[in-house]
Amino acid sequence: MVQKKKPDARVAAPEPVAPKRRGRPRAYEPEVALGKALDLFRQGGFAATSLDDLSAATGMNRPSLYGAFGDKREIYIKSYQRYRDEARRATAEIFRTQQPIRQRLARIYAIALDIYLSGEEGPRGCFTVMTAGSEAVIDPEIRAMVQDALDALDKAFASCFRDAKANGELPGSAEPLVLAQLASATVHTIAIRARARVPREALEAIVEGAIEVLVGYDDGSPRRTPGPIPHDDGEGNDPNS
């Protein structure tokens, strides 16, 4: 009779294998992908940006895009909200900082120009003015976001002018909300001109002139006079030159 061999106690039993996780690990970072989508929408707007463009920029196929962010409209809205959050963070401290109104305005406009003139393929201007404003005509949700953005900017400027009025930097007849709306209008015009590739120096001259109108002339020091605005005919020729 053949005897069965007893298992060698010295041989270690195999370790249990951990169960495999279901599904594939996420191959993208949502915040990075949304930033790529934001760049595309700022550059080309809603209509000119296709799902194929978004897929190529984010490295995500269409089903992944839908699963992460929703359809193209939802991606656009999330991108616009991301833009607003970033712009608010960039300017919040300056709007809160107690400074003479002239320096305060100069710093706010300088940051706005940094934002509007940024872009690897050229200045992109303001998301609210350049693209969301157009979509607001037909989309109630985007319209509400645009109106909220405009109101928020007016209120932030109005707070600055109220402080200046209380500090005696503005006359008693000054109306902070009216001044705020004019200050906001200056933000919008430099955004449009930045997108049209007007040079920064010309935009800074506009800003200086706007500040003089808003808070009055100070010590009579010389100011820059805006020169002729270059117009590119598409072939690199400037008729002003």
C-alpha atoms as a PDB file:
ATOM      1  CA  MET A   1       0.000   0.000   0.000  1.00  0.00           C
ATOM      2  CA  VAL A   2       1.314   3.442  -0.974  1.00  0.00           C
ATOM      3  CA  GLN A   3       1.324   5.898   1.890  1.00  0.00           C
ATOM      4  CA  LYS A   4       0.386   9.480   1.201  1.00  0.00           C
ATOM      5  CA  LYS A   5       3.042  12.016   2.016  1.00  0.00           C
ATOM      6  CA  LYS A   6       2.208  14.459   4.747  1.00  0.00           C
ATOM      7  CA  PRO A   7       2.577  18.126   3.780  1.00  0.00           C
ATOM      8  CA  ASP A   8       5.859  19.618   4.863  1.00  0.00           C
ATOM      9  CA  ALA A   9       5.089  22.049   7.665  1.00  0.00           C
ATOM     10  CA  ARG A  10       8.179  24.012   6.725  1.00  0.00           C
ATOM     11  CA  VAL A  11       6.663  25.090   3.374  1.00  0.00           C
ATOM     12  CA  ALA A  12       4.743  28.351   3.843  1.00  0.00           C
ATOM     13  CA  ALA A  13       1.158  28.420   2.709  1.00  0.00           C
ATOM     14  CA  PRO A  14       0.497  30.833  -0.205  1.00  0.00           C
ATOM     15  CA  GLU A  15      -0.597  34.303   0.878  1.00  0.00           C
ATOM     16  CA  PRO A  16      -4.203  35.210   0.100  1.00  0.00           C
ATOM     17  CA  VAL A  17      -4.597  37.260  -3.057  1.00  0.00           C
ATOM     18  CA  ALA A  18      -6.370  40.597  -2.609  1.00  0.00           C
ATOM     19  CA  PRO A  19      -9.555  40.828  -4.642  1.00  0.00           C
ATOM     20  CA  LYS A  20      -9.260  42.898  -7.788  1.00  0.00           C
ATOM     21  CA  ARG A  21     -10.922  46.295  -7.766  1.00  0.00           C
ATOM     22  CA  ARG A  22     -13.772  46.702 -10.155  1.00  0.00           C
ATOM     23  CA  GLY A  23     -13.518  49.234 -12.938  1.00  0.00           C
ATOM     24  CA  ARG A  24     -10.506  51.061 -14.299  1.00  0.00           C
ATOM     25  CA  PRO A  25      -8.680  53.681 -12.268  1.00  0.00           C
ATOM     26  CA  ARG A  26      -9.421  57.272 -13.236  1.00  0.00           C
ATOM     27  CA  ALA A  27      -6.848  58.232 -15.888  1.00  0.00           C
ATOM     28  CA  TYR A  28      -7.397  61.976 -15.696  1.00  0.00           C
ATOM     29  CA  GLU A  29      -7.446  64.773 -13.159  1.00  0.00           C
ATOM     30  CA  PRO A  30     -10.811  66.565 -13.281  1.00  0.00           C
ATOM     31  CA  GLU A  31      -9.413  70.000 -12.393  1.00  0.00           C
ATOM     32  CA  VAL A  32      -6.692  69.748 -15.034  1.00  0.00           C
ATOM     33  CA  ALA A  33      -9.178  68.589 -17.664  1.00  0.00           C
ATOM     34  CA  LEU A  34     -11.590  71.401 -16.798  1.00  0.00           C
ATOM     35  CA  GLY A  35      -8.742  73.897 -17.080  1.00  0.00           C
ATOM     36  CA  LYS A  36      -8.044  72.643 -20.617  1.00  0.00           C
ATOM     37  CA  ALA A  37     -11.709  73.020 -21.508  1.00  0.00           C
ATOM     38  CA  LEU A  38     -11.709  76.532 -20.066  1.00  0.00           C
ATOM     39  CA  ASP A  39      -8.748  77.492 -22.248  1.00  0.00           C
ATOM     40  CA  LEU A  40     -10.550  76.253 -25.358  1.00  0.00           C
ATOM     41  CA  PHE A  41     -13.810  78.028 -24.603  1.00  0.00           C
ATOM     42  CA  ARG A  42     -12.022  81.300 -23.787  1.00  0.00           C
ATOM     43  CA  GLN A  43     -10.160  81.136 -27.071  1.00  0.00           C
ATOM     44  CA  GLY A  44     -12.930  80.010 -29.410  1.00  0.00           C
ATOM     45  CA  GLY A  45     -16.239  80.477 -27.608  1.00  0.00           C
ATOM     46  CA  PHE A  46     -19.029  77.930 -27.310  1.00  0.00           C
ATOM     47  CA  ALA A  47     -20.090  77.365 -30.925  1.00  0.00           C
ATOM     48  CA  ALA A  48     -16.581  77.133 -32.375  1.00  0.00           C
ATOM     49  CA  THR A  49     -15.418  74.594 -29.775  1.00  0.00           C
ATOM     50  CA  SER A  50     -16.426  71.040 -30.670  1.00  0.00           C
ATOM     51  CA  LEU A  51     -16.560  67.924 -28.544  1.00  0.00           C
ATOM     52  CA  ASP A  52     -13.683  66.583 -30.627  1.00  0.00           C
ATOM     53  CA  ASP A  53     -11.674  69.674 -29.663  1.00  0.00           C
ATOM     54  CA  LEU A  54     -12.470  69.106 -26.002  1.00  0.00           C
ATOM     55  CA  SER A  55     -11.616  65.430 -26.263  1.00  0.00           C
ATOM     56  CA  ALA A  56      -8.248  66.167 -27.879  1.00  0.00           C
ATOM     57  CA  ALA A  57      -7.339  68.872 -25.368  1.00  0.00           C
ATOM     58  CA  THR A  58      -8.314  66.906 -22.262  1.00  0.00           C
ATOM     59  CA  GLY A  59      -7.172  63.476 -23.461  1.00  0.00           C
ATOM     60  CA  MET A  60     -10.619  62.094 -22.648  1.00  0.00           C
ATOM     61  CA  ASN A  61     -12.961  60.352 -25.059  1.00  0.00           C
ATOM     62  CA  ARG A  62     -16.559  61.481 -25.381  1.00  0.00           C
ATOM     63  CA  PRO A  63     -18.067  58.928 -22.954  1.00  0.00           C
ATOM     64  CA  SER A  64     -15.491  59.961 -20.334  1.00  0.00           C
ATOM     65  CA  LEU A  65     -16.263  63.632 -20.891  1.00  0.00           C
ATOM     66  CA  TYR A  66     -19.981  62.999 -20.505  1.00  0.00           C
ATOM     67  CA  GLY A  67     -19.405  60.923 -17.392  1.00  0.00           C
ATOM     68  CA  ALA A  68     -17.166  63.510 -15.741  1.00  0.00           C
ATOM     69  CA  PHE A  69     -18.771  66.804 -16.719  1.00  0.00           C
ATOM     70  CA  GLY A  70     -21.967  66.229 -18.701  1.00  0.00           C
ATOM     71  CA  ASP A  71     -22.676  67.438 -22.218  1.00  0.00           C
ATOM     72  CA  LYS A  72     -20.932  70.316 -24.007  1.00  0.00           C
ATOM     73  CA  ARG A  73     -23.205  72.960 -22.459  1.00  0.00           C
ATOM     74  CA  GLU A  74     -22.539  71.642 -18.964  1.00  0.00           C
ATOM     75  CA  ILE A  75     -18.794  71.638 -19.620  1.00  0.00           C
ATOM     76  CA  TYR A  76     -19.091  75.243 -20.787  1.00  0.00           C
ATOM     77  CA  ILE A  77     -20.992  76.306 -17.671  1.00  0.00           C
ATOM     78  CA  LYS A  78     -18.520  74.543 -15.381  1.00  0.00           C
ATOM     79  CA  SER A  79     -15.664  76.218 -17.261  1.00  0.00           C
ATOM     80  CA  TYR A  80     -17.257  79.643 -16.891  1.00  0.00           C
ATOM     81  CA  GLN A  81     -17.761  79.074 -13.159  1.00  0.00           C
ATOM     82  CA  ARG A  82     -14.119  78.041 -12.882  1.00  0.00           C
ATOM     83  CA  TYR A  83     -13.087  81.265 -14.649  1.00  0.00           C
ATOM     84  CA  ARG A  84     -15.196  83.375 -12.303  1.00  0.00           C
ATOM     85  CA  ASP A  85     -13.775  81.644  -9.234  1.00  0.00           C
ATOM     86  CA  GLU A  86     -10.209  82.227 -10.423  1.00  0.00           C
ATOM     87  CA  ALA A  87     -10.848  85.885 -11.281  1.00  0.00           C
ATOM     88  CA  ARG A  88     -12.474  86.437  -7.884  1.00  0.00           C
ATOM     89  CA  ARG A  89      -9.490  84.953  -6.079  1.00  0.00           C
ATOM     90  CA  ALA A  90      -7.095  87.096  -8.116  1.00  0.00           C
ATOM     91  CA  THR A  91      -8.821  90.371  -7.213  1.00  0.00           C
ATOM     92  CA  ALA A  92     -10.497  89.740  -3.839  1.00  0.00           C
ATOM     93  CA  GLU A  93      -7.568  90.886  -1.708  1.00  0.00           C
ATOM     94  CA  ILE A  94      -7.102  94.129  -3.652  1.00  0.00           C
ATOM     95  CA  PHE A  95     -10.775  95.012  -3.437  1.00  0.00           C
ATOM     96  CA  ARG A  96     -10.591  94.492   0.345  1.00  0.00           C
ATOM     97  CA  THR A  97      -7.272  96.272   0.919  1.00  0.00           C
ATOM     98  CA  GLN A  98      -7.570  99.784   2.303  1.00  0.00           C
ATOM     99  CA  GLN A  99      -5.540 102.029   0.004  1.00  0.00           C
ATOM    100  CA  PRO A 100      -5.912 105.446  -1.592  1.00  0.00           C
ATOM    101  CA  ILE A 101      -8.498 105.049  -4.314  1.00  0.00           C
ATOM    102  CA  ARG A 102      -6.109 105.950  -7.128  1.00  0.00           C
ATOM    103  CA  GLN A 103      -3.626 103.196  -6.221  1.00  0.00           C
ATOM    104  CA  ARG A 104      -6.420 100.754  -5.553  1.00  0.00           C
ATOM    105  CA  LEU A 105      -7.924 101.249  -8.998  1.00  0.00           C
ATOM    106  CA  ALA A 106      -4.522 101.071 -10.696  1.00  0.00           C
ATOM    107  CA  ARG A 107      -3.814  97.692  -9.077  1.00  0.00           C
ATOM    108  CA  ILE A 108      -7.233  96.300  -9.984  1.00  0.00           C
ATOM    109  CA  TYR A 109      -6.846  97.291 -13.624  1.00  0.00           C
ATOM    110  CA  ALA A 110      -3.281  95.942 -13.756  1.00  0.00           C
ATOM    111  CA  ILE A 111      -4.480  92.501 -12.639  1.00  0.00           C
ATOM    112  CA  ALA A 112      -7.350  92.651 -15.132  1.00  0.00           C
ATOM    113  CA  LEU A 113      -4.869  93.335 -17.938  1.00  0.00           C
ATOM    114  CA  ASP A 114      -2.710  90.412 -16.799  1.00  0.00           C
ATOM    115  CA  ILE A 115      -5.759  88.143 -17.093  1.00  0.00           C
ATOM    116  CA  TYR A 116      -7.023  89.534 -20.402  1.00  0.00           C
ATOM    117  CA  LEU A 117      -3.659  89.557 -22.154  1.00  0.00           C
ATOM    118  CA  SER A 118      -2.798  85.991 -21.165  1.00  0.00           C
ATOM    119  CA  GLY A 119      -2.921  83.044 -23.562  1.00  0.00           C
ATOM    120  CA  GLU A 120      -0.443  80.898 -25.428  1.00  0.00           C
ATOM    121  CA  GLU A 121      -2.082  81.736 -28.759  1.00  0.00           C
ATOM    122  CA  GLY A 122      -2.661  85.406 -28.026  1.00  0.00           C
ATOM    123  CA  PRO A 123      -4.759  87.572 -25.702  1.00  0.00           C
ATOM    124  CA  ARG A 124      -8.065  85.979 -24.740  1.00  0.00           C
ATOM    125  CA  GLY A 125      -9.881  88.885 -23.113  1.00  0.00           C
ATOM    126  CA  CYS A 126     -12.667  88.275 -20.607  1.00  0.00           C
ATOM    127  CA  PHE A 127     -14.823  85.132 -20.619  1.00  0.00           C
ATOM    128  CA  THR A 128     -17.871  87.105 -19.474  1.00  0.00           C
ATOM    129  CA  VAL A 129     -17.591  89.804 -22.131  1.00  0.00           C
ATOM    130  CA  MET A 130     -16.170  87.840 -25.056  1.00  0.00           C
ATOM    131  CA  THR A 131     -18.162  84.595 -24.994  1.00  0.00           C
ATOM    132  CA  ALA A 132     -20.621  84.218 -22.097  1.00  0.00           C
ATOM    133  CA  GLY A 133     -22.310  87.497 -23.002  1.00  0.00           C
ATOM    134  CA  SER A 134     -23.220  86.064 -26.404  1.00  0.00           C
ATOM    135  CA  GLU A 135     -24.552  82.790 -24.981  1.00  0.00           C
ATOM    136  CA  ALA A 136     -26.599  84.751 -22.421  1.00  0.00           C
ATOM    137  CA  VAL A 137     -28.924  85.851 -25.224  1.00  0.00           C
ATOM    138  CA  ILE A 138     -30.372  82.351 -25.643  1.00  0.00           C
ATOM    139  CA  ASP A 139     -29.509  80.524 -22.410  1.00  0.00           C
ATOM    140  CA  PRO A 140     -31.281  81.663 -19.200  1.00  0.00           C
ATOM    141  CA  GLU A 141     -28.814  79.910 -16.882  1.00  0.00           C
ATOM    142  CA  ILE A 142     -25.796  81.512 -18.524  1.00  0.00           C
ATOM    143  CA  ARG A 143     -27.647  84.843 -18.594  1.00  0.00           C
ATOM    144  CA  ALA A 144     -28.121  84.649 -14.829  1.00  0.00           C
ATOM    145  CA  MET A 145     -24.425  83.887 -14.360  1.00  0.00           C
ATOM    146  CA  VAL A 146     -23.407  86.843 -16.534  1.00  0.00           C
ATOM    147  CA  GLN A 147     -25.763  89.212 -14.720  1.00  0.00           C
ATOM    148  CA  ASP A 148     -24.408  87.989 -11.390  1.00  0.00           C
ATOM    149  CA  ALA A 149     -20.825  88.556 -12.570  1.00  0.00           C
ATOM    150  CA  LEU A 150     -21.630  92.112 -13.705  1.00  0.00           C
ATOM    151  CA  ASP A 151     -23.447  92.905 -10.469  1.00  0.00           C
ATOM    152  CA  ALA A 152     -20.612  91.493  -8.365  1.00  0.00           C
ATOM    153  CA  LEU A 153     -18.047  93.671 -10.131  1.00  0.00           C
ATOM    154  CA  ASP A 154     -20.213  96.779  -9.712  1.00  0.00           C
ATOM    155  CA  LYS A 155     -20.648  96.067  -6.003  1.00  0.00           C
ATOM    156  CA  ALA A 156     -16.930  95.513  -5.484  1.00  0.00           C
ATOM    157  CA  PHE A 157     -16.078  98.825  -7.161  1.00  0.00           C
ATOM    158  CA  ALA A 158     -18.887 100.620  -5.288  1.00  0.00           C
ATOM    159  CA  SER A 159     -17.365  99.497  -1.993  1.00  0.00           C
ATOM    160  CA  CYS A 160     -14.039 101.038  -3.036  1.00  0.00           C
ATOM    161  CA  PHE A 161     -15.689 104.358  -3.921  1.00  0.00           C
ATOM    162  CA  ARG A 162     -17.695 104.410  -0.691  1.00  0.00           C
ATOM    163  CA  ASP A 163     -14.459 104.019   1.255  1.00  0.00           C
ATOM    164  CA  ALA A 164     -12.858 106.814  -0.772  1.00  0.00           C
ATOM    165  CA  LYS A 165     -15.843 109.083  -0.156  1.00  0.00           C
ATOM    166  CA  ALA A 166     -15.741 108.375   3.584  1.00  0.00           C
ATOM    167  CA  ASN A 167     -12.005 109.160   3.622  1.00  0.00           C
ATOM    168  CA  GLY A 168     -12.515 112.504   1.907  1.00  0.00           C
ATOM    169  CA  GLU A 169     -10.888 111.442  -1.363  1.00  0.00           C
ATOM    170  CA  LEU A 170     -14.119 112.100  -3.259  1.00  0.00           C
ATOM    171  CA  PRO A 171     -16.561 114.986  -2.911  1.00  0.00           C
ATOM    172  CA  GLY A 172     -19.760 114.570  -0.938  1.00  0.00           C
ATOM    173  CA  SER A 173     -21.774 114.668  -4.161  1.00  0.00           C
ATOM    174  CA  ALA A 174     -20.022 111.564  -5.549  1.00  0.00           C
ATOM    175  CA  GLU A 175     -22.301 108.582  -6.166  1.00  0.00           C
ATOM    176  CA  PRO A 176     -20.362 105.356  -5.542  1.00  0.00           C
ATOM    177  CA  LEU A 177     -22.654 103.118  -7.609  1.00  0.00           C
ATOM    178  CA  VAL A 178     -22.521 105.385 -10.666  1.00  0.00           C
ATOM    179  CA  LEU A 179     -18.729 105.574 -10.418  1.00  0.00           C
ATOM    180  CA  ALA A 180     -18.638 101.792  -9.970  1.00  0.00           C
ATOM    181  CA  GLN A 181     -20.576 101.219 -13.184  1.00  0.00           C
ATOM    182  CA  LEU A 182     -18.179 103.480 -15.071  1.00  0.00           C
ATOM    183  CA  ALA A 183     -15.212 101.651 -13.535  1.00  0.00           C
ATOM    184  CA  SER A 184     -16.741  98.335 -14.612  1.00  0.00           C
ATOM    185  CA  ALA A 185     -17.284  99.696 -18.119  1.00  0.00           C
ATOM    186  CA  THR A 186     -13.560 100.436 -18.285  1.00  0.00           C
ATOM    187  CA  VAL A 187     -12.851  96.810 -17.359  1.00  0.00           C
ATOM    188  CA  HIS A 188     -15.089  95.670 -20.193  1.00  0.00           C
ATOM    189  CA  THR A 189     -13.556  97.952 -22.811  1.00  0.00           C
ATOM    190  CA  ILE A 190      -9.978  96.922 -22.026  1.00  0.00           C
ATOM    191  CA  ALA A 191     -11.118  93.286 -22.208  1.00  0.00           C
ATOM    192  CA  ILE A 192     -12.504  93.810 -25.722  1.00  0.00           C
ATOM    193  CA  ARG A 193      -9.474  95.770 -26.878  1.00  0.00           C
ATOM    194  CA  ALA A 194      -7.099  93.213 -25.379  1.00  0.00           C
ATOM    195  CA  ARG A 195      -8.817  90.487 -27.403  1.00  0.00           C
ATOM    196  CA  ALA A 196      -8.381  92.678 -30.486  1.00  0.00           C
ATOM    197  CA  ARG A 197      -4.637  92.705 -29.661  1.00  0.00           C
ATOM    198  CA  VAL A 198      -4.367  96.370 -28.822  1.00  0.00           C
ATOM    199  CA  PRO A 199      -0.915  96.733 -27.178  1.00  0.00           C
ATOM    200  CA  ARG A 200      -0.718  96.816 -23.407  1.00  0.00           C
ATOM    201  CA  GLU A 201       0.781 100.295 -23.414  1.00  0.00           C
ATOM    202  CA  ALA A 202      -2.297 101.669 -25.190  1.00  0.00           C
ATOM    203  CA  LEU A 203      -4.584  99.849 -22.745  1.00  0.00           C
ATOM    204  CA  GLU A 204      -2.670 101.255 -19.785  1.00  0.00           C
ATOM    205  CA  ALA A 205      -3.138 104.751 -21.215  1.00  0.00           C
ATOM    206  CA  ILE A 206      -6.905 104.119 -21.345  1.00  0.00           C
ATOM    207  CA  VAL A 207      -6.808 102.970 -17.731  1.00  0.00           C
ATOM    208  CA  GLU A 208      -4.925 106.084 -16.625  1.00  0.00           C
ATOM    209  CA  GLY A 209      -7.436 108.311 -18.380  1.00  0.00           C
ATOM    210  CA  ALA A 210     -10.344 106.438 -16.806  1.00  0.00           C
ATOM    211  CA  ILE A 211      -8.868 106.835 -13.328  1.00  0.00           C
ATOM    212  CA  GLU A 212      -8.520 110.571 -13.878  1.00  0.00           C
ATOM    213  CA  VAL A 213     -12.187 110.789 -14.861  1.00  0.00           C
ATOM    214  CA  LEU A 214     -13.296 108.643 -11.916  1.00  0.00           C
ATOM    215  CA  VAL A 215     -11.331 110.266  -9.092  1.00  0.00           C
ATOM    216  CA  GLY A 216     -10.072 113.568 -10.523  1.00  0.00           C
ATOM    217  CA  TYR A 217      -6.629 114.856 -11.401  1.00  0.00           C
ATOM    218  CA  ASP A 218      -4.043 114.724  -8.655  1.00  0.00           C
ATOM    219  CA  ASP A 219      -0.800 116.727  -8.709  1.00  0.00           C
ATOM    220  CA  GLY A 220      -0.799 117.769 -12.345  1.00  0.00           C
ATOM    221  CA  SER A 221       2.010 115.360 -13.251  1.00  0.00           C
ATOM    222  CA  PRO A 222       2.288 114.563 -16.982  1.00  0.00           C
ATOM    223  CA  ARG A 223       0.157 111.742 -18.310  1.00  0.00           C
ATOM    224  CA  ARG A 224       0.653 109.444 -21.243  1.00  0.00           C
ATOM    225  CA  THR A 225      -1.288 110.397 -24.335  1.00  0.00           C
ATOM    226  CA  PRO A 226      -2.696 107.435 -26.238  1.00  0.00           C
ATOM    227  CA  GLY A 227      -1.106 107.119 -29.660  1.00  0.00           C
ATOM    228  CA  PRO A 228      -2.783 105.815 -32.814  1.00  0.00           C
ATOM    229  CA  ILE A 229      -4.197 102.345 -32.340  1.00  0.00           C
ATOM    230  CA  PRO A 230      -2.615  99.863 -34.731  1.00  0.00           C
ATOM    231  CA  HIS A 231      -4.925  98.034 -37.098  1.00  0.00           C
ATOM    232  CA  ASP A 232      -3.734  94.768 -38.527  1.00  0.00           C
ATOM    233  CA  ASP A 233      -5.188  94.100 -41.989  1.00  0.00           C
ATOM    234  CA  GLY A 234      -4.400  90.395 -41.667  1.00  0.00           C
ATOM    235  CA  GLU A 235      -1.154  90.666 -43.593  1.00  0.00           C
ATOM    236  CA  GLY A 236       0.862  92.375 -40.915  1.00  0.00           C
ATOM    237  CA  ASN A 237       0.374  95.851 -42.412  1.00  0.00           C
ATOM    238  CA  ASP A 238      -0.551  98.783 -40.198  1.00  0.00           C
ATOM    239  CA  PRO A 239      -2.162 101.677 -42.108  1.00  0.00           C
ATOM    240  CA  ASN A 240      -1.156 104.039 -39.283  1.00  0.00           C
ATOM    241  CA  SER A 241       2.539 103.430 -39.910  1.00  0.00           C
END
